[in-house]
Amino acid sequence: MFNEPVQVSAGRTSRREDTRRRVRAAAEECFRVTGYRGSAVRDIAAHAGVSVGTVMQFGGKAGLLVAVVDDWIAAIHSDAARAHPEGPARRAGADLAEDVSALLRPFLRRFLGEQELSREYAAVLLSGEHRSEVFSGLADTLRTELLAVLGAHDVVGARADDAVETLYLSYLGLLFTLGGEPHSDPDAELDRALGRLRAVARSLTAGDRDPAAGDRR
């Protein structure tokens, strides 16, 4: 009897979460089929089987686009965590810049593979109307992964912290750049973007490996 209010609250939370998932899935489907600009809130609502007001409660069209793209990014992190439970590892024969490039490649490739939605996502974020997890929780996850890559190459301490922040900001800049205009050759553009990141990594970490590491490599 005393547990009834808790159970009711938990049930409401579960139903709201289920509705949120359905609305996000409906939004992503609409965006893929008719494009972001071709999708109306009423279309998303009909596809999800909810009211227009419910869609607006979850951020409207723009807020849902941010949530959908954030889900893409979170999924890439989850896939990497499953593949490497102990964190990013140093690959045989790869230097630090190549490992940084390998870590960030899936994110950039996804954005280039979804050019129309990436452009709209960048525009929504630049408008300042909606906040993305890419600046908070997902940012912390990526910083941790970058720090692990640097540590695997014996780059440690304050210089590693500074390098992580610069690499993260460089990555964000590339996301907005890639999302800002269409690209006729996404593969070539991806190679150019990763080349810039490798150059940044090499310039930041030259001579910064831990001298105590010796010849552990």
N, C-alpha and C. Protein backbone atom coordinates (compact mmCIF):
# COMPACT_ATOMS: atom_id res chain seq x y z
N MET A 1 0.82 -1.20 0.00
CA MET A 1 0.00 0.00 0.00
C MET A 1 0.86 1.25 0.00
N PHE A 2 1.89 1.27 0.87
CA PHE A 2 2.75 2.44 0.94
C PHE A 2 3.63 2.57 -0.31
N ASN A 3 3.79 1.48 -1.05
CA ASN A 3 4.61 1.52 -2.25
C ASN A 3 3.84 1.99 -3.48
N GLU A 4 2.52 2.15 -3.34
CA GLU A 4 1.72 2.47 -4.51
C GLU A 4 2.13 3.76 -5.21
N PRO A 5 2.37 4.90 -4.48
CA PRO A 5 2.79 6.11 -5.19
C PRO A 5 4.10 5.93 -5.95
N VAL A 6 5.05 5.17 -5.38
CA VAL A 6 6.32 4.93 -6.06
C VAL A 6 6.10 4.13 -7.33
N GLN A 7 5.23 3.11 -7.25
CA GLN A 7 4.96 2.28 -8.41
C GLN A 7 4.26 3.08 -9.51
N VAL A 8 3.33 3.94 -9.13
CA VAL A 8 2.64 4.78 -10.10
C VAL A 8 3.62 5.71 -10.79
N SER A 9 4.53 6.33 -10.00
CA SER A 9 5.52 7.23 -10.56
C SER A 9 6.46 6.50 -11.52
N ALA A 10 6.87 5.29 -11.12
CA ALA A 10 7.75 4.51 -11.99
C ALA A 10 7.05 4.14 -13.28
N GLY A 11 5.76 3.82 -13.18
CA GLY A 11 5.00 3.48 -14.39
C GLY A 11 4.88 4.65 -15.33
N ARG A 12 4.65 5.83 -14.78
CA ARG A 12 4.56 7.03 -15.61
C ARG A 12 5.89 7.32 -16.30
N THR A 13 6.97 7.16 -15.54
CA THR A 13 8.30 7.39 -16.11
C THR A 13 8.58 6.43 -17.24
N SER A 14 8.20 5.16 -17.04
CA SER A 14 8.41 4.14 -18.07
C SER A 14 7.60 4.46 -19.31
N ARG A 15 6.36 4.87 -19.14
CA ARG A 15 5.52 5.20 -20.30
C ARG A 15 6.06 6.42 -21.03
N ARG A 16 6.53 7.41 -20.27
CA ARG A 16 7.10 8.61 -20.91
C ARG A 16 8.35 8.25 -21.70
N GLU A 17 9.17 7.38 -21.13
CA GLU A 17 10.39 6.97 -21.83
C GLU A 17 10.05 6.20 -23.11
N ASP A 18 9.03 5.35 -23.03
CA ASP A 18 8.60 4.61 -24.22
C ASP A 18 8.09 5.58 -25.28
N THR A 19 7.32 6.57 -24.86
CA THR A 19 6.83 7.57 -25.81
C THR A 19 7.97 8.35 -26.42
N ARG A 20 8.94 8.72 -25.60
CA ARG A 20 10.11 9.45 -26.11
C ARG A 20 10.84 8.66 -27.19
N ARG A 21 11.02 7.36 -26.94
CA ARG A 21 11.71 6.52 -27.92
C ARG A 21 10.92 6.43 -29.23
N ARG A 22 9.58 6.30 -29.10
CA ARG A 22 8.75 6.20 -30.31
C ARG A 22 8.78 7.49 -31.11
N VAL A 23 8.76 8.62 -30.41
CA VAL A 23 8.79 9.91 -31.11
C VAL A 23 10.13 10.13 -31.79
N ARG A 24 11.21 9.78 -31.11
CA ARG A 24 12.53 9.92 -31.74
C ARG A 24 12.67 9.01 -32.96
N ALA A 25 12.22 7.78 -32.82
CA ALA A 25 12.30 6.85 -33.95
C ALA A 25 11.45 7.36 -35.13
N ALA A 26 10.28 7.89 -34.82
CA ALA A 26 9.41 8.42 -35.88
C ALA A 26 10.07 9.63 -36.55
N ALA A 27 10.68 10.49 -35.74
CA ALA A 27 11.35 11.66 -36.30
C ALA A 27 12.49 11.25 -37.23
N GLU A 28 13.29 10.30 -36.78
CA GLU A 28 14.42 9.85 -37.63
C GLU A 28 13.91 9.26 -38.94
N GLU A 29 12.84 8.47 -38.87
CA GLU A 29 12.28 7.88 -40.08
C GLU A 29 11.77 8.96 -41.02
N CYS A 30 11.08 9.94 -40.49
CA CYS A 30 10.57 11.04 -41.32
C CYS A 30 11.71 11.83 -41.95
N PHE A 31 12.74 12.11 -41.15
CA PHE A 31 13.87 12.88 -41.67
C PHE A 31 14.55 12.13 -42.81
N ARG A 32 14.65 10.81 -42.69
CA ARG A 32 15.33 10.02 -43.72
C ARG A 32 14.48 9.94 -45.00
N VAL A 33 13.18 9.82 -44.84
CA VAL A 33 12.32 9.62 -46.00
C VAL A 33 12.05 10.92 -46.74
N THR A 34 11.71 11.98 -46.01
CA THR A 34 11.32 13.24 -46.66
C THR A 34 12.29 14.39 -46.40
N GLY A 35 13.38 14.11 -45.66
CA GLY A 35 14.33 15.17 -45.35
C GLY A 35 13.86 15.98 -44.16
N TYR A 36 14.78 16.71 -43.56
CA TYR A 36 14.43 17.50 -42.38
C TYR A 36 13.41 18.58 -42.73
N ARG A 37 13.69 19.33 -43.77
CA ARG A 37 12.79 20.43 -44.12
C ARG A 37 11.45 19.94 -44.65
N GLY A 38 11.44 18.74 -45.21
CA GLY A 38 10.20 18.19 -45.74
C GLY A 38 9.35 17.51 -44.68
N SER A 39 9.87 17.41 -43.47
CA SER A 39 9.13 16.75 -42.39
C SER A 39 8.43 17.79 -41.53
N ALA A 40 7.15 17.58 -41.28
CA ALA A 40 6.38 18.47 -40.42
C ALA A 40 6.14 17.78 -39.07
N VAL A 41 5.92 18.59 -38.05
CA VAL A 41 5.66 18.05 -36.72
C VAL A 41 4.46 17.12 -36.76
N ARG A 42 3.45 17.47 -37.53
CA ARG A 42 2.25 16.62 -37.60
C ARG A 42 2.58 15.27 -38.24
N ASP A 43 3.54 15.25 -39.17
CA ASP A 43 3.95 13.98 -39.79
C ASP A 43 4.63 13.08 -38.76
N ILE A 44 5.50 13.68 -37.95
CA ILE A 44 6.19 12.92 -36.89
C ILE A 44 5.17 12.39 -35.90
N ALA A 45 4.21 13.25 -35.52
CA ALA A 45 3.18 12.84 -34.56
C ALA A 45 2.36 11.67 -35.10
N ALA A 46 1.97 11.75 -36.37
CA ALA A 46 1.17 10.68 -36.96
C ALA A 46 1.96 9.38 -37.02
N HIS A 47 3.22 9.48 -37.38
CA HIS A 47 4.06 8.29 -37.50
C HIS A 47 4.28 7.63 -36.13
N ALA A 48 4.37 8.46 -35.08
CA ALA A 48 4.59 7.94 -33.73
C ALA A 48 3.29 7.54 -33.04
N GLY A 49 2.16 7.97 -33.60
CA GLY A 49 0.88 7.67 -32.97
C GLY A 49 0.62 8.51 -31.73
N VAL A 50 1.09 9.77 -31.75
CA VAL A 50 0.89 10.67 -30.61
C VAL A 50 0.35 12.00 -31.13
N SER A 51 0.06 12.90 -30.23
CA SER A 51 -0.44 14.22 -30.62
C SER A 51 0.71 15.15 -31.00
N VAL A 52 0.37 16.20 -31.71
CA VAL A 52 1.36 17.23 -32.04
C VAL A 52 1.93 17.83 -30.75
N GLY A 53 1.08 18.02 -29.76
CA GLY A 53 1.54 18.57 -28.49
C GLY A 53 2.58 17.69 -27.83
N THR A 54 2.43 16.37 -27.95
CA THR A 54 3.41 15.46 -27.37
C THR A 54 4.76 15.62 -28.07
N VAL A 55 4.75 15.73 -29.40
CA VAL A 55 6.00 15.94 -30.14
C VAL A 55 6.67 17.23 -29.67
N MET A 56 5.88 18.27 -29.47
CA MET A 56 6.45 19.55 -29.03
C MET A 56 7.04 19.44 -27.63
N GLN A 57 6.46 18.58 -26.79
CA GLN A 57 7.02 18.38 -25.45
C GLN A 57 8.43 17.81 -25.50
N PHE A 58 8.74 17.09 -26.58
CA PHE A 58 10.05 16.49 -26.73
C PHE A 58 10.98 17.35 -27.59
N GLY A 59 10.67 18.63 -27.70
CA GLY A 59 11.57 19.56 -28.37
C GLY A 59 11.18 19.99 -29.75
N GLY A 60 10.05 19.51 -30.25
CA GLY A 60 9.67 19.88 -31.61
C GLY A 60 10.63 19.27 -32.62
N LYS A 61 10.53 19.72 -33.86
CA LYS A 61 11.33 19.13 -34.93
C LYS A 61 12.82 19.36 -34.72
N ALA A 62 13.18 20.59 -34.37
CA ALA A 62 14.61 20.90 -34.19
C ALA A 62 15.20 20.15 -33.00
N GLY A 63 14.48 20.13 -31.90
CA GLY A 63 14.97 19.42 -30.72
C GLY A 63 15.11 17.93 -30.98
N LEU A 64 14.19 17.37 -31.76
CA LEU A 64 14.28 15.95 -32.08
C LEU A 64 15.45 15.66 -33.00
N LEU A 65 15.75 16.58 -33.92
CA LEU A 65 16.92 16.37 -34.78
C LEU A 65 18.19 16.30 -33.94
N VAL A 66 18.33 17.22 -32.98
CA VAL A 66 19.49 17.20 -32.10
C VAL A 66 19.56 15.88 -31.34
N ALA A 67 18.43 15.43 -30.84
CA ALA A 67 18.39 14.17 -30.09
C ALA A 67 18.76 12.98 -30.97
N VAL A 68 18.27 12.98 -32.20
CA VAL A 68 18.58 11.88 -33.12
C VAL A 68 20.07 11.82 -33.42
N VAL A 69 20.67 12.95 -33.73
CA VAL A 69 22.10 12.96 -34.06
C VAL A 69 22.93 12.64 -32.81
N ASP A 70 22.51 13.15 -31.67
CA ASP A 70 23.20 12.78 -30.43
C ASP A 70 23.15 11.27 -30.20
N ASP A 71 22.03 10.66 -30.56
CA ASP A 71 21.92 9.20 -30.43
C ASP A 71 22.90 8.49 -31.37
N TRP A 72 23.10 9.04 -32.58
CA TRP A 72 24.12 8.46 -33.47
C TRP A 72 25.48 8.46 -32.79
N ILE A 73 25.83 9.62 -32.24
CA ILE A 73 27.15 9.77 -31.62
C ILE A 73 27.29 8.83 -30.43
N ALA A 74 26.24 8.77 -29.60
CA ALA A 74 26.27 7.88 -28.44
C ALA A 74 26.42 6.42 -28.86
N ALA A 75 25.77 6.04 -29.97
CA ALA A 75 25.86 4.66 -30.45
C ALA A 75 27.28 4.31 -30.87
N ILE A 76 27.98 5.26 -31.48
CA ILE A 76 29.37 5.01 -31.88
C ILE A 76 30.24 4.79 -30.65
N HIS A 77 30.02 5.61 -29.62
CA HIS A 77 30.76 5.41 -28.37
C HIS A 77 30.45 4.04 -27.77
N SER A 78 29.18 3.65 -27.78
CA SER A 78 28.79 2.35 -27.21
C SER A 78 29.42 1.19 -27.98
N ASP A 79 29.44 1.30 -29.30
CA ASP A 79 30.06 0.25 -30.12
C ASP A 79 31.54 0.13 -29.79
N ALA A 80 32.21 1.27 -29.63
CA ALA A 80 33.64 1.26 -29.32
C ALA A 80 33.89 0.66 -27.94
N ALA A 81 33.01 0.97 -26.99
CA ALA A 81 33.17 0.43 -25.63
C ALA A 81 32.98 -1.08 -25.61
N ARG A 82 32.04 -1.58 -26.42
CA ARG A 82 31.85 -3.03 -26.49
C ARG A 82 33.05 -3.72 -27.16
N ALA A 83 33.60 -3.06 -28.18
CA ALA A 83 34.74 -3.65 -28.89
C ALA A 83 36.00 -3.61 -28.05
N HIS A 84 36.14 -2.56 -27.23
CA HIS A 84 37.35 -2.39 -26.40
C HIS A 84 36.92 -2.03 -24.98
N PRO A 85 36.49 -3.00 -24.19
CA PRO A 85 35.98 -2.73 -22.84
C PRO A 85 36.97 -2.01 -21.94
N GLU A 86 38.26 -2.17 -22.19
CA GLU A 86 39.26 -1.53 -21.35
C GLU A 86 39.68 -0.17 -21.89
N GLY A 87 39.01 0.31 -22.93
CA GLY A 87 39.32 1.60 -23.49
C GLY A 87 40.13 1.47 -24.77
N PRO A 88 40.29 2.58 -25.50
CA PRO A 88 41.05 2.55 -26.75
C PRO A 88 42.46 2.03 -26.52
N ALA A 89 42.89 1.13 -27.38
CA ALA A 89 44.22 0.54 -27.24
C ALA A 89 45.12 1.01 -28.38
N ARG A 90 46.41 0.93 -28.11
CA ARG A 90 47.38 1.28 -29.15
C ARG A 90 47.41 0.17 -30.20
N ARG A 91 47.29 0.55 -31.46
CA ARG A 91 47.29 -0.44 -32.53
C ARG A 91 48.71 -0.72 -32.98
N ALA A 92 48.99 -1.97 -33.29
CA ALA A 92 50.33 -2.36 -33.70
C ALA A 92 50.75 -1.58 -34.95
N GLY A 93 51.92 -0.96 -34.88
CA GLY A 93 52.47 -0.24 -36.03
C GLY A 93 51.91 1.15 -36.24
N ALA A 94 50.95 1.58 -35.42
CA ALA A 94 50.33 2.90 -35.61
C ALA A 94 50.97 3.91 -34.67
N ASP A 95 51.20 5.13 -35.18
CA ASP A 95 51.68 6.18 -34.29
C ASP A 95 50.48 6.86 -33.64
N LEU A 96 50.76 7.80 -32.75
CA LEU A 96 49.69 8.43 -31.98
C LEU A 96 48.69 9.12 -32.89
N ALA A 97 49.19 9.86 -33.88
CA ALA A 97 48.28 10.59 -34.77
C ALA A 97 47.35 9.65 -35.51
N GLU A 98 47.85 8.49 -35.90
CA GLU A 98 47.01 7.52 -36.59
C GLU A 98 45.95 6.93 -35.67
N ASP A 99 46.31 6.73 -34.40
CA ASP A 99 45.32 6.21 -33.45
C ASP A 99 44.26 7.25 -33.12
N VAL A 100 44.65 8.52 -33.03
CA VAL A 100 43.66 9.59 -32.85
C VAL A 100 42.71 9.62 -34.05
N SER A 101 43.28 9.50 -35.24
CA SER A 101 42.48 9.49 -36.46
C SER A 101 41.51 8.31 -36.46
N ALA A 102 41.97 7.13 -36.04
CA ALA A 102 41.11 5.95 -36.01
C ALA A 102 39.96 6.12 -35.03
N LEU A 103 40.23 6.78 -33.90
CA LEU A 103 39.19 7.01 -32.90
C LEU A 103 38.09 7.92 -33.43
N LEU A 104 38.48 8.97 -34.14
CA LEU A 104 37.52 9.98 -34.58
C LEU A 104 36.89 9.70 -35.93
N ARG A 105 37.47 8.79 -36.69
CA ARG A 105 36.98 8.48 -38.03
C ARG A 105 35.48 8.11 -38.05
N PRO A 106 34.99 7.23 -37.17
CA PRO A 106 33.57 6.84 -37.27
C PRO A 106 32.60 8.00 -37.13
N PHE A 107 32.95 8.98 -36.29
CA PHE A 107 32.07 10.13 -36.09
C PHE A 107 32.02 10.99 -37.36
N LEU A 108 33.19 11.30 -37.91
CA LEU A 108 33.24 12.13 -39.11
C LEU A 108 32.59 11.42 -40.29
N ARG A 109 32.83 10.11 -40.39
CA ARG A 109 32.24 9.34 -41.49
C ARG A 109 30.72 9.35 -41.39
N ARG A 110 30.19 9.25 -40.19
CA ARG A 110 28.72 9.27 -40.03
C ARG A 110 28.15 10.61 -40.46
N PHE A 111 28.82 11.69 -40.08
CA PHE A 111 28.32 13.01 -40.47
C PHE A 111 28.37 13.19 -41.98
N LEU A 112 29.43 12.71 -42.60
CA LEU A 112 29.53 12.83 -44.06
C LEU A 112 28.54 11.92 -44.77
N GLY A 113 28.14 10.85 -44.11
CA GLY A 113 27.16 9.94 -44.70
C GLY A 113 25.74 10.43 -44.56
N GLU A 114 25.53 11.45 -43.76
CA GLU A 114 24.18 12.01 -43.53
C GLU A 114 24.26 13.53 -43.72
N GLN A 115 24.65 13.93 -44.93
CA GLN A 115 25.01 15.34 -45.14
C GLN A 115 23.86 16.31 -44.90
N GLU A 116 22.68 15.98 -45.40
CA GLU A 116 21.56 16.92 -45.23
C GLU A 116 21.21 17.10 -43.76
N LEU A 117 21.11 16.00 -43.04
CA LEU A 117 20.77 16.09 -41.62
C LEU A 117 21.91 16.72 -40.83
N SER A 118 23.15 16.47 -41.22
CA SER A 118 24.29 17.08 -40.53
C SER A 118 24.29 18.59 -40.69
N ARG A 119 23.95 19.06 -41.89
CA ARG A 119 23.88 20.52 -42.11
C ARG A 119 22.80 21.14 -41.25
N GLU A 120 21.64 20.50 -41.19
CA GLU A 120 20.55 21.05 -40.38
C GLU A 120 20.89 20.99 -38.90
N TYR A 121 21.55 19.93 -38.48
CA TYR A 121 21.99 19.79 -37.09
C TYR A 121 22.93 20.93 -36.71
N ALA A 122 23.91 21.19 -37.57
CA ALA A 122 24.84 22.28 -37.30
C ALA A 122 24.11 23.62 -37.21
N ALA A 123 23.14 23.83 -38.10
CA ALA A 123 22.39 25.09 -38.09
C ALA A 123 21.58 25.24 -36.81
N VAL A 124 20.96 24.15 -36.35
CA VAL A 124 20.18 24.20 -35.12
C VAL A 124 21.08 24.54 -33.93
N LEU A 125 22.24 23.89 -33.85
CA LEU A 125 23.13 24.16 -32.73
C LEU A 125 23.66 25.58 -32.77
N LEU A 126 23.99 26.08 -33.95
CA LEU A 126 24.50 27.45 -34.06
C LEU A 126 23.43 28.48 -33.70
N SER A 127 22.16 28.11 -33.86
CA SER A 127 21.08 29.03 -33.50
C SER A 127 20.99 29.23 -31.98
N GLY A 128 21.52 28.26 -31.23
CA GLY A 128 21.49 28.34 -29.78
C GLY A 128 20.17 27.99 -29.14
N GLU A 129 19.21 27.51 -29.93
CA GLU A 129 17.88 27.22 -29.40
C GLU A 129 17.82 25.87 -28.68
N HIS A 130 18.73 24.97 -29.03
CA HIS A 130 18.72 23.64 -28.43
C HIS A 130 20.14 23.24 -28.05
N ARG A 131 20.25 22.60 -26.91
CA ARG A 131 21.54 22.17 -26.39
C ARG A 131 21.78 20.71 -26.74
N SER A 132 23.01 20.40 -27.13
CA SER A 132 23.34 19.04 -27.52
C SER A 132 24.22 18.36 -26.48
N GLU A 133 24.05 17.04 -26.35
CA GLU A 133 24.91 16.25 -25.47
C GLU A 133 26.35 16.23 -25.96
N VAL A 134 26.56 16.63 -27.22
CA VAL A 134 27.92 16.64 -27.75
C VAL A 134 28.79 17.65 -27.00
N PHE A 135 28.16 18.58 -26.27
CA PHE A 135 28.90 19.56 -25.50
C PHE A 135 28.98 19.20 -24.01
N SER A 136 28.35 18.12 -23.61
CA SER A 136 28.34 17.79 -22.18
C SER A 136 28.74 16.34 -21.96
N GLY A 137 27.76 15.44 -21.77
CA GLY A 137 28.09 14.06 -21.46
C GLY A 137 28.90 13.37 -22.54
N LEU A 138 28.52 13.57 -23.81
CA LEU A 138 29.26 12.95 -24.90
C LEU A 138 30.65 13.56 -25.04
N ALA A 139 30.78 14.83 -24.70
CA ALA A 139 32.09 15.48 -24.73
C ALA A 139 33.01 14.85 -23.70
N ASP A 140 32.49 14.60 -22.52
CA ASP A 140 33.30 13.97 -21.47
C ASP A 140 33.75 12.57 -21.89
N THR A 141 32.84 11.83 -22.53
CA THR A 141 33.20 10.49 -23.00
C THR A 141 34.33 10.55 -24.02
N LEU A 142 34.22 11.47 -24.98
CA LEU A 142 35.25 11.57 -26.01
C LEU A 142 36.57 12.04 -25.43
N ARG A 143 36.53 12.97 -24.50
CA ARG A 143 37.77 13.42 -23.87
C ARG A 143 38.47 12.27 -23.15
N THR A 144 37.68 11.43 -22.48
CA THR A 144 38.24 10.28 -21.79
C THR A 144 38.89 9.31 -22.78
N GLU A 145 38.24 9.10 -23.91
CA GLU A 145 38.79 8.21 -24.94
C GLU A 145 40.07 8.79 -25.53
N LEU A 146 40.08 10.08 -25.79
CA LEU A 146 41.30 10.72 -26.32
C LEU A 146 42.44 10.62 -25.32
N LEU A 147 42.13 10.83 -24.05
CA LEU A 147 43.16 10.75 -23.01
C LEU A 147 43.74 9.33 -22.96
N ALA A 148 42.90 8.33 -23.15
CA ALA A 148 43.37 6.95 -23.14
C ALA A 148 44.30 6.69 -24.32
N VAL A 149 43.97 7.23 -25.49
CA VAL A 149 44.84 7.06 -26.65
C VAL A 149 46.20 7.72 -26.40
N LEU A 150 46.19 8.93 -25.86
CA LEU A 150 47.44 9.61 -25.55
C LEU A 150 48.25 8.82 -24.53
N GLY A 151 47.58 8.32 -23.50
CA GLY A 151 48.27 7.55 -22.48
C GLY A 151 48.89 6.29 -23.04
N ALA A 152 48.20 5.66 -24.01
CA ALA A 152 48.75 4.45 -24.63
C ALA A 152 50.03 4.73 -25.38
N HIS A 153 50.23 5.99 -25.74
CA HIS A 153 51.46 6.41 -26.43
C HIS A 153 52.39 7.19 -25.50
N ASP A 154 52.16 7.02 -24.19
CA ASP A 154 53.04 7.61 -23.17
C ASP A 154 53.04 9.13 -23.17
N VAL A 155 51.94 9.73 -23.60
CA VAL A 155 51.77 11.17 -23.48
C VAL A 155 50.88 11.38 -22.26
N VAL A 156 51.43 12.01 -21.23
CA VAL A 156 50.74 12.07 -19.94
C VAL A 156 50.80 13.47 -19.35
N GLY A 157 50.11 13.63 -18.23
CA GLY A 157 50.20 14.86 -17.45
C GLY A 157 49.47 16.04 -18.07
N ALA A 158 49.93 17.23 -17.71
CA ALA A 158 49.25 18.46 -18.14
C ALA A 158 49.26 18.62 -19.65
N ARG A 159 50.36 18.20 -20.28
CA ARG A 159 50.43 18.33 -21.74
C ARG A 159 49.39 17.43 -22.41
N ALA A 160 49.14 16.27 -21.83
CA ALA A 160 48.10 15.39 -22.37
C ALA A 160 46.73 16.04 -22.22
N ASP A 161 46.48 16.66 -21.06
CA ASP A 161 45.19 17.34 -20.84
C ASP A 161 44.99 18.45 -21.86
N ASP A 162 46.06 19.24 -22.09
CA ASP A 162 45.96 20.33 -23.07
C ASP A 162 45.74 19.79 -24.48
N ALA A 163 46.44 18.70 -24.80
CA ALA A 163 46.31 18.10 -26.13
C ALA A 163 44.89 17.58 -26.35
N VAL A 164 44.30 16.96 -25.32
CA VAL A 164 42.94 16.44 -25.42
C VAL A 164 41.97 17.57 -25.73
N GLU A 165 42.11 18.68 -25.03
CA GLU A 165 41.17 19.79 -25.24
C GLU A 165 41.30 20.36 -26.65
N THR A 166 42.54 20.51 -27.12
CA THR A 166 42.74 21.04 -28.47
C THR A 166 42.23 20.08 -29.52
N LEU A 167 42.47 18.79 -29.35
CA LEU A 167 41.97 17.80 -30.30
C LEU A 167 40.44 17.77 -30.31
N TYR A 168 39.86 17.88 -29.13
CA TYR A 168 38.40 17.87 -29.05
C TYR A 168 37.81 19.08 -29.78
N LEU A 169 38.38 20.25 -29.56
CA LEU A 169 37.88 21.44 -30.22
C LEU A 169 38.11 21.39 -31.73
N SER A 170 39.23 20.80 -32.14
CA SER A 170 39.50 20.63 -33.57
C SER A 170 38.45 19.70 -34.20
N TYR A 171 38.13 18.65 -33.49
CA TYR A 171 37.11 17.70 -33.95
C TYR A 171 35.75 18.41 -34.08
N LEU A 172 35.37 19.20 -33.08
CA LEU A 172 34.10 19.92 -33.16
C LEU A 172 34.08 20.87 -34.36
N GLY A 173 35.19 21.56 -34.54
CA GLY A 173 35.28 22.47 -35.68
C GLY A 173 35.09 21.75 -37.00
N LEU A 174 35.66 20.55 -37.12
CA LEU A 174 35.49 19.77 -38.34
C LEU A 174 34.05 19.31 -38.51
N LEU A 175 33.39 18.93 -37.42
CA LEU A 175 31.98 18.53 -37.52
C LEU A 175 31.13 19.66 -38.09
N PHE A 176 31.35 20.86 -37.57
CA PHE A 176 30.56 22.00 -38.06
C PHE A 176 30.94 22.35 -39.49
N THR A 177 32.23 22.23 -39.83
CA THR A 177 32.66 22.52 -41.19
C THR A 177 32.07 21.51 -42.17
N LEU A 178 32.16 20.23 -41.81
CA LEU A 178 31.63 19.19 -42.69
C LEU A 178 30.12 19.31 -42.84
N GLY A 179 29.45 19.75 -41.78
CA GLY A 179 28.00 19.89 -41.84
C GLY A 179 27.54 21.18 -42.47
N GLY A 180 28.48 22.06 -42.80
CA GLY A 180 28.11 23.38 -43.29
C GLY A 180 27.82 23.45 -44.77
N GLU A 181 28.28 22.47 -45.54
CA GLU A 181 28.09 22.53 -46.98
C GLU A 181 28.09 21.12 -47.56
N PRO A 182 27.48 20.92 -48.73
CA PRO A 182 27.47 19.59 -49.34
C PRO A 182 28.84 19.22 -49.89
N HIS A 183 29.12 17.92 -49.96
CA HIS A 183 30.40 17.44 -50.46
C HIS A 183 30.14 16.39 -51.53
N SER A 184 30.70 16.63 -52.71
CA SER A 184 30.47 15.71 -53.83
C SER A 184 31.27 14.43 -53.69
N ASP A 185 32.36 14.48 -52.93
CA ASP A 185 33.20 13.29 -52.74
C ASP A 185 33.45 13.11 -51.24
N PRO A 186 32.50 12.50 -50.52
CA PRO A 186 32.63 12.37 -49.06
C PRO A 186 33.88 11.63 -48.62
N ASP A 187 34.29 10.60 -49.37
CA ASP A 187 35.48 9.84 -48.98
C ASP A 187 36.73 10.71 -49.02
N ALA A 188 36.85 11.51 -50.07
CA ALA A 188 38.01 12.41 -50.18
C ALA A 188 37.96 13.46 -49.09
N GLU A 189 36.77 13.96 -48.78
CA GLU A 189 36.64 14.97 -47.73
C GLU A 189 36.97 14.37 -46.37
N LEU A 190 36.59 13.12 -46.15
CA LEU A 190 36.92 12.45 -44.89
C LEU A 190 38.44 12.31 -44.75
N ASP A 191 39.11 11.92 -45.83
CA ASP A 191 40.57 11.79 -45.79
C ASP A 191 41.23 13.13 -45.47
N ARG A 192 40.72 14.21 -46.07
CA ARG A 192 41.29 15.53 -45.79
C ARG A 192 41.08 15.92 -44.33
N ALA A 193 39.88 15.67 -43.82
CA ALA A 193 39.57 16.02 -42.43
C ALA A 193 40.45 15.24 -41.46
N LEU A 194 40.61 13.96 -41.70
CA LEU A 194 41.45 13.15 -40.82
C LEU A 194 42.92 13.55 -40.95
N GLY A 195 43.34 13.97 -42.12
CA GLY A 195 44.70 14.46 -42.29
C GLY A 195 44.95 15.70 -41.44
N ARG A 196 43.95 16.58 -41.35
CA ARG A 196 44.08 17.76 -40.50
C ARG A 196 44.20 17.37 -39.03
N LEU A 197 43.40 16.40 -38.62
CA LEU A 197 43.46 15.96 -37.23
C LEU A 197 44.82 15.31 -36.91
N ARG A 198 45.33 14.53 -37.84
CA ARG A 198 46.65 13.92 -37.62
C ARG A 198 47.73 14.99 -37.49
N ALA A 199 47.62 16.03 -38.31
CA ALA A 199 48.60 17.11 -38.24
C ALA A 199 48.52 17.82 -36.89
N VAL A 200 47.30 18.05 -36.41
CA VAL A 200 47.13 18.68 -35.10
C VAL A 200 47.73 17.80 -34.01
N ALA A 201 47.44 16.50 -34.05
CA ALA A 201 47.96 15.58 -33.04
C ALA A 201 49.48 15.58 -33.01
N ARG A 202 50.10 15.55 -34.18
CA ARG A 202 51.57 15.51 -34.24
C ARG A 202 52.17 16.81 -33.73
N SER A 203 51.55 17.93 -34.07
CA SER A 203 52.11 19.21 -33.64
C SER A 203 51.97 19.41 -32.13
N LEU A 204 50.91 18.86 -31.56
CA LEU A 204 50.67 19.06 -30.13
C LEU A 204 51.54 18.18 -29.25
N THR A 205 51.87 17.02 -29.74
CA THR A 205 52.52 16.03 -28.88
C THR A 205 53.98 15.78 -29.21
N ALA A 206 54.54 16.49 -30.15
CA ALA A 206 55.95 16.29 -30.50
C ALA A 206 56.83 16.54 -29.27
N GLY A 207 57.60 15.54 -28.89
CA GLY A 207 58.53 15.67 -27.77
C GLY A 207 57.89 15.60 -26.41
N ASP A 208 56.59 15.23 -26.34
CA ASP A 208 55.89 15.24 -25.04
C ASP A 208 55.70 13.86 -24.43
N ARG A 209 56.30 12.83 -24.99
CA ARG A 209 56.14 11.50 -24.40
C ARG A 209 56.87 11.42 -23.08
N ASP A 210 56.32 10.64 -22.19
CA ASP A 210 56.86 10.48 -20.84
C ASP A 210 58.26 9.87 -20.91
N PRO A 211 59.30 10.58 -20.46
CA PRO A 211 60.65 10.05 -20.55
C PRO A 211 60.81 8.79 -19.70
N ALA A 212 59.98 8.61 -18.67
CA ALA A 212 60.08 7.42 -17.84
C ALA A 212 59.56 6.18 -18.53
N ALA A 213 58.88 6.41 -19.66
CA ALA A 213 58.31 5.29 -20.38
C ALA A 213 59.38 4.42 -21.04
N GLY A 214 60.51 5.06 -21.33
CA GLY A 214 61.63 4.34 -21.91
C GLY A 214 61.24 3.67 -23.20
N ASP A 215 61.61 2.40 -23.33
CA ASP A 215 61.33 1.64 -24.53
C ASP A 215 60.19 0.66 -24.33
N ARG A 216 59.20 1.05 -23.50
CA ARG A 216 58.10 0.14 -23.25
C ARG A 216 57.41 -0.25 -24.55
N ARG A 217 57.42 0.68 -25.52
CA ARG A 217 56.73 0.40 -26.77
C ARG A 217 57.45 -0.68 -27.54
